[in-house]
Amino acid sequence: MNITGMLRVRDEARWIERVIASIQPLCTRIVVMDDHSVDGTRELCARIPGVEALRSPFEGLDEARDKNWLLDQVGPSEWILAIDGDEVLAPGAQTALFAAMNSPATCLSLPILYLWDSEDQIRVDGVYGRFRRESAFRPNGARFESTRHGGNFHCGNVPSALRGARQPVNAPLLHLGYMNREDRLRKFSWYNEQDPGNAGEDSYRHVVQGDIPEVPATATLRHAGPLQLEALCSRAA
């Protein structure tokens, strides 16, 4: 089976090697678009056998544009596995994911487990406890579409035309990007700079719940809260 890994990344040097290693057993090849990293991410990717590390030809933020360009670089592929540069496929999840790719499904939805404050702890309140994302698809000529958000945020990892036929698979992705408080604060600030006034995301306050006085851990927010944490082993088994 021809499975291509597809990643759009920026400044993920801390864990990009772990990310790629977690999907390599499944992928025939992996194509990475590096969006002007300054921490050596592209150079790390380029040293990994089977990985094509490409520089972004664009300036400015446009997720849909970038992902359509990536699709063009990937070319023909039976399946595309599209994950973020701070997500690791959980140990053992490869078997379930490969089995699902041998089914008639055209789009696979994976649970996202958000590591919080440590490698063995996840956040489980609100959307964090039930969030899934379409992360693998048979391309069939589909394209990513623009959104109403700044920088075409939230265009997804799978083109919207394919998501209606999604099949859930118990193959968790471990999200590392919110694990450290300093990263949550930085991303909260960046999200609101790029996509200000997003009421649907509650101005991204859930990202920093318990980290700043204005959003205490005890608060009930639109999408989450009060803050609740569990051991990773309770969900990743």
C-alpha atoms as a PDB file:
ATOM      1  CA  MET A   1       0.000   0.000   0.000  1.00  0.00           C
ATOM      2  CA  ASN A   2       1.265   3.469  -0.941  1.00  0.00           C
ATOM      3  CA  ILE A   3       0.987   5.699   2.161  1.00  0.00           C
ATOM      4  CA  THR A   4       2.558   9.156   2.201  1.00  0.00           C
ATOM      5  CA  GLY A   5       3.138  11.154   5.351  1.00  0.00           C
ATOM      6  CA  MET A   6       2.420  14.873   4.894  1.00  0.00           C
ATOM      7  CA  LEU A   7       3.493  17.525   7.424  1.00  0.00           C
ATOM      8  CA  ARG A   8       3.505  21.322   7.435  1.00  0.00           C
ATOM      9  CA  VAL A   9       5.850  22.436  10.210  1.00  0.00           C
ATOM     10  CA  ARG A  10       7.591  25.403  11.753  1.00  0.00           C
ATOM     11  CA  ASP A  11      10.131  25.415  14.591  1.00  0.00           C
ATOM     12  CA  GLU A  12       9.412  21.879  15.821  1.00  0.00           C
ATOM     13  CA  ALA A  13      13.038  20.781  16.299  1.00  0.00           C
ATOM     14  CA  ARG A  14      12.373  19.647  19.876  1.00  0.00           C
ATOM     15  CA  TRP A  15      10.277  16.703  18.792  1.00  0.00           C
ATOM     16  CA  ILE A  16      10.179  16.442  14.991  1.00  0.00           C
ATOM     17  CA  GLU A  17      12.379  13.338  15.004  1.00  0.00           C
ATOM     18  CA  ARG A  18       9.960  11.596  17.406  1.00  0.00           C
ATOM     19  CA  VAL A  19       7.026  12.665  15.270  1.00  0.00           C
ATOM     20  CA  ILE A  20       8.510  11.268  12.082  1.00  0.00           C
ATOM     21  CA  ALA A  21       9.726   8.066  13.740  1.00  0.00           C
ATOM     22  CA  SER A  22       6.180   7.359  14.943  1.00  0.00           C
ATOM     23  CA  ILE A  23       4.744   7.273  11.401  1.00  0.00           C
ATOM     24  CA  GLN A  24       7.698   5.891   9.446  1.00  0.00           C
ATOM     25  CA  PRO A  25       6.650   2.238   9.905  1.00  0.00           C
ATOM     26  CA  LEU A  26       3.450   3.058   7.977  1.00  0.00           C
ATOM     27  CA  CYS A  27       4.723   5.421   5.295  1.00  0.00           C
ATOM     28  CA  THR A  28       6.343   4.706   1.963  1.00  0.00           C
ATOM     29  CA  ARG A  29       7.635   8.282   2.001  1.00  0.00           C
ATOM     30  CA  ILE A  30       7.198  11.427   4.079  1.00  0.00           C
ATOM     31  CA  VAL A  31       6.991  14.943   2.639  1.00  0.00           C
ATOM     32  CA  VAL A  32       7.607  17.879   4.986  1.00  0.00           C
ATOM     33  CA  MET A  33       6.964  21.517   4.160  1.00  0.00           C
ATOM     34  CA  ASP A  34       9.099  23.680   6.428  1.00  0.00           C
ATOM     35  CA  ASP A  35       7.547  27.115   6.943  1.00  0.00           C
ATOM     36  CA  HIS A  36      10.711  29.180   7.480  1.00  0.00           C
ATOM     37  CA  SER A  37      11.898  27.498  10.690  1.00  0.00           C
ATOM     38  CA  VAL A  38      14.775  29.153  12.520  1.00  0.00           C
ATOM     39  CA  ASP A  39      15.536  26.299  14.943  1.00  0.00           C
ATOM     40  CA  GLY A  40      16.992  23.751  12.493  1.00  0.00           C
ATOM     41  CA  THR A  41      13.766  21.777  11.934  1.00  0.00           C
ATOM     42  CA  ARG A  42      14.269  21.436   8.174  1.00  0.00           C
ATOM     43  CA  GLU A  43      17.874  20.354   8.569  1.00  0.00           C
ATOM     44  CA  LEU A  44      16.855  17.648  11.049  1.00  0.00           C
ATOM     45  CA  CYS A  45      14.174  16.374   8.683  1.00  0.00           C
ATOM     46  CA  ALA A  46      16.553  16.362   5.719  1.00  0.00           C
ATOM     47  CA  ARG A  47      18.899  13.991   7.541  1.00  0.00           C
ATOM     48  CA  ILE A  48      16.199  11.347   8.058  1.00  0.00           C
ATOM     49  CA  PRO A  49      16.125   8.645   5.353  1.00  0.00           C
ATOM     50  CA  GLY A  50      12.864   8.591   3.412  1.00  0.00           C
ATOM     51  CA  VAL A  51      11.955  12.186   4.268  1.00  0.00           C
ATOM     52  CA  GLU A  52      11.723  14.973   1.685  1.00  0.00           C
ATOM     53  CA  ALA A  53      12.235  18.275   3.522  1.00  0.00           C
ATOM     54  CA  LEU A  54      11.028  21.155   1.342  1.00  0.00           C
ATOM     55  CA  ARG A  55      11.349  24.879   1.972  1.00  0.00           C
ATOM     56  CA  SER A  56       8.128  26.855   1.765  1.00  0.00           C
ATOM     57  CA  PRO A  57       8.083  29.051  -1.352  1.00  0.00           C
ATOM     58  CA  PHE A  58       5.600  31.416   0.306  1.00  0.00           C
ATOM     59  CA  GLU A  59       5.613  34.367   2.677  1.00  0.00           C
ATOM     60  CA  GLY A  60       2.806  35.077   5.104  1.00  0.00           C
ATOM     61  CA  LEU A  61       0.279  32.816   6.775  1.00  0.00           C
ATOM     62  CA  ASP A  62      -2.202  30.828   4.669  1.00  0.00           C
ATOM     63  CA  GLU A  63      -2.821  27.266   5.835  1.00  0.00           C
ATOM     64  CA  ALA A  64      -5.079  26.258   2.928  1.00  0.00           C
ATOM     65  CA  ARG A  65      -2.588  27.542   0.327  1.00  0.00           C
ATOM     66  CA  ASP A  66       0.293  25.730   2.037  1.00  0.00           C
ATOM     67  CA  LYS A  67      -1.541  22.421   2.313  1.00  0.00           C
ATOM     68  CA  ASN A  68      -2.652  22.496  -1.315  1.00  0.00           C
ATOM     69  CA  TRP A  69       0.971  23.123  -2.318  1.00  0.00           C
ATOM     70  CA  LEU A  70       1.961  20.148  -0.179  1.00  0.00           C
ATOM     71  CA  LEU A  71      -0.643  17.991  -1.916  1.00  0.00           C
ATOM     72  CA  ASP A  72       0.938  18.906  -5.239  1.00  0.00           C
ATOM     73  CA  GLN A  73       4.383  17.868  -3.971  1.00  0.00           C
ATOM     74  CA  VAL A  74       3.038  14.565  -2.650  1.00  0.00           C
ATOM     75  CA  GLY A  75       1.501  13.653  -5.993  1.00  0.00           C
ATOM     76  CA  PRO A  76      -0.327  10.343  -6.513  1.00  0.00           C
ATOM     77  CA  SER A  77      -0.762   8.343  -3.315  1.00  0.00           C
ATOM     78  CA  GLU A  78      -3.282   5.758  -2.204  1.00  0.00           C
ATOM     79  CA  TRP A  79      -3.397   7.251   1.296  1.00  0.00           C
ATOM     80  CA  ILE A  80      -2.093  10.454   2.875  1.00  0.00           C
ATOM     81  CA  LEU A  81      -1.414  10.597   6.603  1.00  0.00           C
ATOM     82  CA  ALA A  82      -1.464  14.289   7.554  1.00  0.00           C
ATOM     83  CA  ILE A  83      -0.368  15.175  11.064  1.00  0.00           C
ATOM     84  CA  ASP A  84       1.126  18.213  12.761  1.00  0.00           C
ATOM     85  CA  GLY A  85       4.774  18.679  13.659  1.00  0.00           C
ATOM     86  CA  ASP A  86       4.009  18.339  17.370  1.00  0.00           C
ATOM     87  CA  GLU A  87       1.995  15.104  17.203  1.00  0.00           C
ATOM     88  CA  VAL A  88       3.260  11.588  17.826  1.00  0.00           C
ATOM     89  CA  LEU A  89       1.325   8.494  16.823  1.00  0.00           C
ATOM     90  CA  ALA A  90       0.879   6.578  20.063  1.00  0.00           C
ATOM     91  CA  PRO A  91       2.826   3.324  20.482  1.00  0.00           C
ATOM     92  CA  GLY A  92       0.812   0.448  19.036  1.00  0.00           C
ATOM     93  CA  ALA A  93      -1.525   2.733  17.086  1.00  0.00           C
ATOM     94  CA  GLN A  94       0.140   1.874  13.772  1.00  0.00           C
ATOM     95  CA  THR A  95      -1.554  -1.541  13.671  1.00  0.00           C
ATOM     96  CA  ALA A  96      -5.082  -0.166  14.029  1.00  0.00           C
ATOM     97  CA  LEU A  97      -4.430   2.605  11.540  1.00  0.00           C
ATOM     98  CA  PHE A  98      -3.017   0.250   8.907  1.00  0.00           C
ATOM     99  CA  ALA A  99      -5.982  -2.091   9.314  1.00  0.00           C
ATOM    100  CA  ALA A 100      -8.393   0.798   8.758  1.00  0.00           C
ATOM    101  CA  MET A 101      -6.534   1.779   5.602  1.00  0.00           C
ATOM    102  CA  ASN A 102      -7.262  -1.681   4.246  1.00  0.00           C
ATOM    103  CA  SER A 103     -10.994  -1.016   4.582  1.00  0.00           C
ATOM    104  CA  PRO A 104     -13.169   0.807   1.999  1.00  0.00           C
ATOM    105  CA  ALA A 105     -12.952   4.009   4.087  1.00  0.00           C
ATOM    106  CA  THR A 106     -11.850   7.245   2.425  1.00  0.00           C
ATOM    107  CA  CYS A 107     -11.164   9.343   5.551  1.00  0.00           C
ATOM    108  CA  LEU A 108      -9.999   8.303   9.023  1.00  0.00           C
ATOM    109  CA  SER A 109     -10.640  10.219  12.245  1.00  0.00           C
ATOM    110  CA  LEU A 110      -8.110   9.843  15.072  1.00  0.00           C
ATOM    111  CA  PRO A 111      -8.408  10.824  18.756  1.00  0.00           C
ATOM    112  CA  ILE A 112      -6.058  13.603  19.861  1.00  0.00           C
ATOM    113  CA  LEU A 113      -4.704  13.298  23.408  1.00  0.00           C
ATOM    114  CA  TYR A 114      -3.347  16.595  24.718  1.00  0.00           C
ATOM    115  CA  LEU A 115      -0.337  16.128  26.983  1.00  0.00           C
ATOM    116  CA  TRP A 116      -0.495  18.695  29.787  1.00  0.00           C
ATOM    117  CA  ASP A 117       2.357  19.672  32.115  1.00  0.00           C
ATOM    118  CA  SER A 118       4.122  16.294  31.723  1.00  0.00           C
ATOM    119  CA  GLU A 119       4.663  13.399  29.316  1.00  0.00           C
ATOM    120  CA  ASP A 120       2.376  11.086  31.298  1.00  0.00           C
ATOM    121  CA  GLN A 121      -0.608  13.400  31.849  1.00  0.00           C
ATOM    122  CA  ILE A 122      -3.412  14.554  29.538  1.00  0.00           C
ATOM    123  CA  ARG A 123      -6.182  17.125  29.709  1.00  0.00           C
ATOM    124  CA  VAL A 124      -9.689  15.609  29.575  1.00  0.00           C
ATOM    125  CA  ASP A 125     -12.257  18.336  30.359  1.00  0.00           C
ATOM    126  CA  GLY A 126     -14.580  19.649  27.650  1.00  0.00           C
ATOM    127  CA  VAL A 127     -13.461  19.167  24.066  1.00  0.00           C
ATOM    128  CA  TYR A 128     -10.056  17.980  25.247  1.00  0.00           C
ATOM    129  CA  GLY A 129     -11.562  14.740  26.493  1.00  0.00           C
ATOM    130  CA  ARG A 130     -13.367  13.870  23.266  1.00  0.00           C
ATOM    131  CA  PHE A 131     -11.566  15.648  20.453  1.00  0.00           C
ATOM    132  CA  ARG A 132     -10.926  13.766  17.215  1.00  0.00           C
ATOM    133  CA  ARG A 133      -9.509  15.027  13.948  1.00  0.00           C
ATOM    134  CA  GLU A 134      -9.591  13.690  10.419  1.00  0.00           C
ATOM    135  CA  SER A 135      -5.933  12.854   9.817  1.00  0.00           C
ATOM    136  CA  ALA A 136      -5.726  10.291   6.992  1.00  0.00           C
ATOM    137  CA  PHE A 137      -7.444  10.237   3.623  1.00  0.00           C
ATOM    138  CA  ARG A 138      -7.567   8.897   0.093  1.00  0.00           C
ATOM    139  CA  PRO A 139      -6.933  12.147  -1.824  1.00  0.00           C
ATOM    140  CA  ASN A 140      -9.170  11.560  -4.867  1.00  0.00           C
ATOM    141  CA  GLY A 141      -8.313  14.999  -6.243  1.00  0.00           C
ATOM    142  CA  ALA A 142      -9.796  16.922  -3.294  1.00  0.00           C
ATOM    143  CA  ARG A 143      -8.370  20.313  -2.301  1.00  0.00           C
ATOM    144  CA  PHE A 144      -8.240  22.342   0.896  1.00  0.00           C
ATOM    145  CA  GLU A 145     -10.660  25.262   1.036  1.00  0.00           C
ATOM    146  CA  SER A 146     -10.351  28.763   2.442  1.00  0.00           C
ATOM    147  CA  THR A 147     -11.942  29.546   5.802  1.00  0.00           C
ATOM    148  CA  ARG A 148     -13.347  32.699   7.367  1.00  0.00           C
ATOM    149  CA  HIS A 149     -10.517  32.816   9.915  1.00  0.00           C
ATOM    150  CA  GLY A 150      -7.265  34.769   9.774  1.00  0.00           C
ATOM    151  CA  GLY A 151      -4.535  32.939   7.876  1.00  0.00           C
ATOM    152  CA  ASN A 152      -7.132  30.395   6.721  1.00  0.00           C
ATOM    153  CA  PHE A 153      -6.892  28.785  10.172  1.00  0.00           C
ATOM    154  CA  HIS A 154      -8.916  25.641  10.822  1.00  0.00           C
ATOM    155  CA  CYS A 155      -8.908  24.376   7.236  1.00  0.00           C
ATOM    156  CA  GLY A 156      -8.199  20.934   8.707  1.00  0.00           C
ATOM    157  CA  ASN A 157      -5.689  18.219   7.910  1.00  0.00           C
ATOM    158  CA  VAL A 158      -8.094  16.588   5.450  1.00  0.00           C
ATOM    159  CA  PRO A 159      -9.974  18.464   2.677  1.00  0.00           C
ATOM    160  CA  SER A 160     -13.514  19.253   3.811  1.00  0.00           C
ATOM    161  CA  ALA A 161     -15.087  17.424   0.854  1.00  0.00           C
ATOM    162  CA  LEU A 162     -13.767  14.119   2.235  1.00  0.00           C
ATOM    163  CA  ARG A 163     -14.698  14.505   5.888  1.00  0.00           C
ATOM    164  CA  GLY A 164     -18.334  13.458   5.587  1.00  0.00           C
ATOM    165  CA  ALA A 165     -17.315   9.812   5.063  1.00  0.00           C
ATOM    166  CA  ARG A 166     -14.940   9.721   8.013  1.00  0.00           C
ATOM    167  CA  GLN A 167     -14.403   6.503   9.928  1.00  0.00           C
ATOM    168  CA  PRO A 168     -13.261   6.666  13.549  1.00  0.00           C
ATOM    169  CA  VAL A 169     -10.136   4.664  14.387  1.00  0.00           C
ATOM    170  CA  ASN A 170      -8.696   4.011  17.834  1.00  0.00           C
ATOM    171  CA  ALA A 171      -5.209   5.185  16.870  1.00  0.00           C
ATOM    172  CA  PRO A 172      -4.416   8.132  19.168  1.00  0.00           C
ATOM    173  CA  LEU A 173      -2.150  11.022  18.342  1.00  0.00           C
ATOM    174  CA  LEU A 174      -0.276  12.467  21.329  1.00  0.00           C
ATOM    175  CA  HIS A 175      -0.221  16.259  21.061  1.00  0.00           C
ATOM    176  CA  LEU A 176       2.971  17.739  22.510  1.00  0.00           C
ATOM    177  CA  GLY A 177       2.484  21.403  21.656  1.00  0.00           C
ATOM    178  CA  TYR A 178       0.448  22.332  24.753  1.00  0.00           C
ATOM    179  CA  MET A 179       2.433  20.261  27.221  1.00  0.00           C
ATOM    180  CA  ASN A 180       4.558  23.145  28.551  1.00  0.00           C
ATOM    181  CA  ARG A 181       3.079  26.281  30.083  1.00  0.00           C
ATOM    182  CA  GLU A 182       5.446  28.595  28.209  1.00  0.00           C
ATOM    183  CA  ASP A 183       4.339  27.080  24.889  1.00  0.00           C
ATOM    184  CA  ARG A 184       0.675  27.521  25.772  1.00  0.00           C
ATOM    185  CA  LEU A 185       1.219  31.182  26.621  1.00  0.00           C
ATOM    186  CA  ARG A 186       3.184  31.781  23.433  1.00  0.00           C
ATOM    187  CA  LYS A 187       0.588  30.082  21.229  1.00  0.00           C
ATOM    188  CA  PHE A 188      -2.304  31.871  22.945  1.00  0.00           C
ATOM    189  CA  SER A 189      -0.675  35.198  22.108  1.00  0.00           C
ATOM    190  CA  TRP A 190       0.124  34.154  18.533  1.00  0.00           C
ATOM    191  CA  TYR A 191      -3.367  32.756  17.836  1.00  0.00           C
ATOM    192  CA  ASN A 192      -4.958  36.020  18.932  1.00  0.00           C
ATOM    193  CA  GLU A 193      -2.552  38.075  16.849  1.00  0.00           C
ATOM    194  CA  GLN A 194      -3.267  36.057  13.713  1.00  0.00           C
ATOM    195  CA  ASP A 195      -6.972  35.349  14.289  1.00  0.00           C
ATOM    196  CA  PRO A 196      -8.305  38.075  16.615  1.00  0.00           C
ATOM    197  CA  GLY A 197     -11.850  38.081  17.941  1.00  0.00           C
ATOM    198  CA  ASN A 198     -12.597  34.433  17.138  1.00  0.00           C
ATOM    199  CA  ALA A 199     -15.733  33.923  19.239  1.00  0.00           C
ATOM    200  CA  GLY A 200     -16.081  30.351  18.042  1.00  0.00           C
ATOM    201  CA  GLU A 201     -12.778  29.541  19.717  1.00  0.00           C
ATOM    202  CA  ASP A 202     -13.630  31.748  22.722  1.00  0.00           C
ATOM    203  CA  SER A 203     -10.550  33.803  21.811  1.00  0.00           C
ATOM    204  CA  TYR A 204      -8.487  30.667  22.533  1.00  0.00           C
ATOM    205  CA  ARG A 205      -8.838  31.138  26.306  1.00  0.00           C
ATOM    206  CA  HIS A 206      -9.074  27.371  26.834  1.00  0.00           C
ATOM    207  CA  VAL A 207      -5.421  27.042  25.777  1.00  0.00           C
ATOM    208  CA  VAL A 208      -4.206  28.978  28.825  1.00  0.00           C
ATOM    209  CA  GLN A 209      -6.769  27.854  31.400  1.00  0.00           C
ATOM    210  CA  GLY A 210      -5.053  27.792  34.779  1.00  0.00           C
ATOM    211  CA  ASP A 211      -1.978  29.553  33.363  1.00  0.00           C
ATOM    212  CA  ILE A 212      -3.102  33.184  33.739  1.00  0.00           C
ATOM    213  CA  PRO A 213      -5.217  34.869  36.435  1.00  0.00           C
ATOM    214  CA  GLU A 214      -7.843  35.943  33.886  1.00  0.00           C
ATOM    215  CA  VAL A 215      -8.648  32.297  33.059  1.00  0.00           C
ATOM    216  CA  PRO A 216      -8.552  30.315  36.323  1.00  0.00           C
ATOM    217  CA  ALA A 217      -8.475  26.516  36.354  1.00  0.00           C
ATOM    218  CA  THR A 218     -11.890  26.495  38.064  1.00  0.00           C
ATOM    219  CA  ALA A 219     -13.648  28.464  35.308  1.00  0.00           C
ATOM    220  CA  THR A 220     -16.241  26.911  32.995  1.00  0.00           C
ATOM    221  CA  LEU A 221     -15.481  28.074  29.468  1.00  0.00           C
ATOM    222  CA  ARG A 222     -17.292  27.659  26.177  1.00  0.00           C
ATOM    223  CA  HIS A 223     -15.266  24.602  25.155  1.00  0.00           C
ATOM    224  CA  ALA A 224     -13.657  23.378  28.362  1.00  0.00           C
ATOM    225  CA  GLY A 225     -13.229  23.746  32.101  1.00  0.00           C
ATOM    226  CA  PRO A 226     -12.927  23.365  34.928  1.00  0.00           C
ATOM    227  CA  LEU A 227      -9.433  22.075  34.182  1.00  0.00           C
ATOM    228  CA  GLN A 228      -9.243  18.292  34.609  1.00  0.00           C
ATOM    229  CA  LEU A 229      -6.159  16.125  34.128  1.00  0.00           C
ATOM    230  CA  GLU A 230      -5.731  12.338  33.975  1.00  0.00           C
ATOM    231  CA  ALA A 231      -2.885   9.888  33.588  1.00  0.00           C
ATOM    232  CA  LEU A 232      -2.071   9.230  29.931  1.00  0.00           C
ATOM    233  CA  CYS A 233      -2.336   5.477  30.487  1.00  0.00           C
ATOM    234  CA  SER A 234      -6.070   5.878  31.196  1.00  0.00           C
ATOM    235  CA  ARG A 235      -6.752   6.818  27.570  1.00  0.00           C
ATOM    236  CA  ALA A 236      -3.848   5.564  25.459  1.00  0.00           C
ATOM    237  CA  ALA A 237      -4.171   1.883  26.342  1.00  0.00           C
END
